[in-house]
């Protein structure tokens, strides 16, 4: 299916772009409040928001929380080596390029038609050192050299679910291999009551990393509603106090759990292996209404 565009709104306003990609029907919807900003939807589910005029602007809650992790992974402005598993509209790669110039980044996104759509309609800064590889996230991660990355970010959804093979200790072994000593891993996770997936993912990360933190809306952590949580893992102490301060001052405040409180949160969940891994739960239809 080719692309289709909505009729122009008055005054030559930007038009929506609709195109079939491997993951479903992609829509790039112009942001009425920001002149060069767009939201990417796949089959009606919001995936990314990009402001081409201000790539350091992060609109989505979970992307802002990952932005805090990016901000704290190294001294301000210092270039990093970053791996992004899952590309979407390349929001976080653009954020790293804007806030940490001269960073070198690898993006692994298996949906090649989506990558082509995004690169055509929302072009990257030609000076940004961003390489985009169309591959499965775990296969692409396996090609990252040992000890290359300061930061690995996993934000991978097939439809609305994280694929099973990206939830296991074996997957995290591959993450650890790619990370520099002291490098950080951050994952966007989605779950709802009774939070079995989220608890299992914390237990899985605890089996491979010495230090963990979980950033989420308090109502999600209490199992009151479906939502996103950002899991951060490292073998060195995490900047928990600063992460907590930033998460609490967000437009949608989040809580940071770590240490004994996070161990209590897992509630006896066990680490997930490849043999037992399942995809994350699908969100209820009400989530996107």
Foldseek 3Di string as FASTA:
>chain_A
DAKDWDPADPPRADIKIWDAWPLAIWIWADDPVARQKTWIDHPLHTDAIARLVDLLDGDDLVLVLVVLVLPQLDPWQAAWEEEEEAQQLVSVLLNSCVGHPPHAYEYEAQTVVRVVVSCVSPNHDPRRNYHYHNDHRLVVLLPQAFQRGLEYEYEDDRNQKAAQVCQALVSVVSVNRNHHAFHKYKYKHKAAPPCLSVLQSLQQLVVPAVWKKKKAQVCRLVRNFIDIIMIMGGNDYGPQVSSQVSQCPDPRHIHMDTDPRSVVSSVPHHGHHSVRTHMHDGHDPVVSD
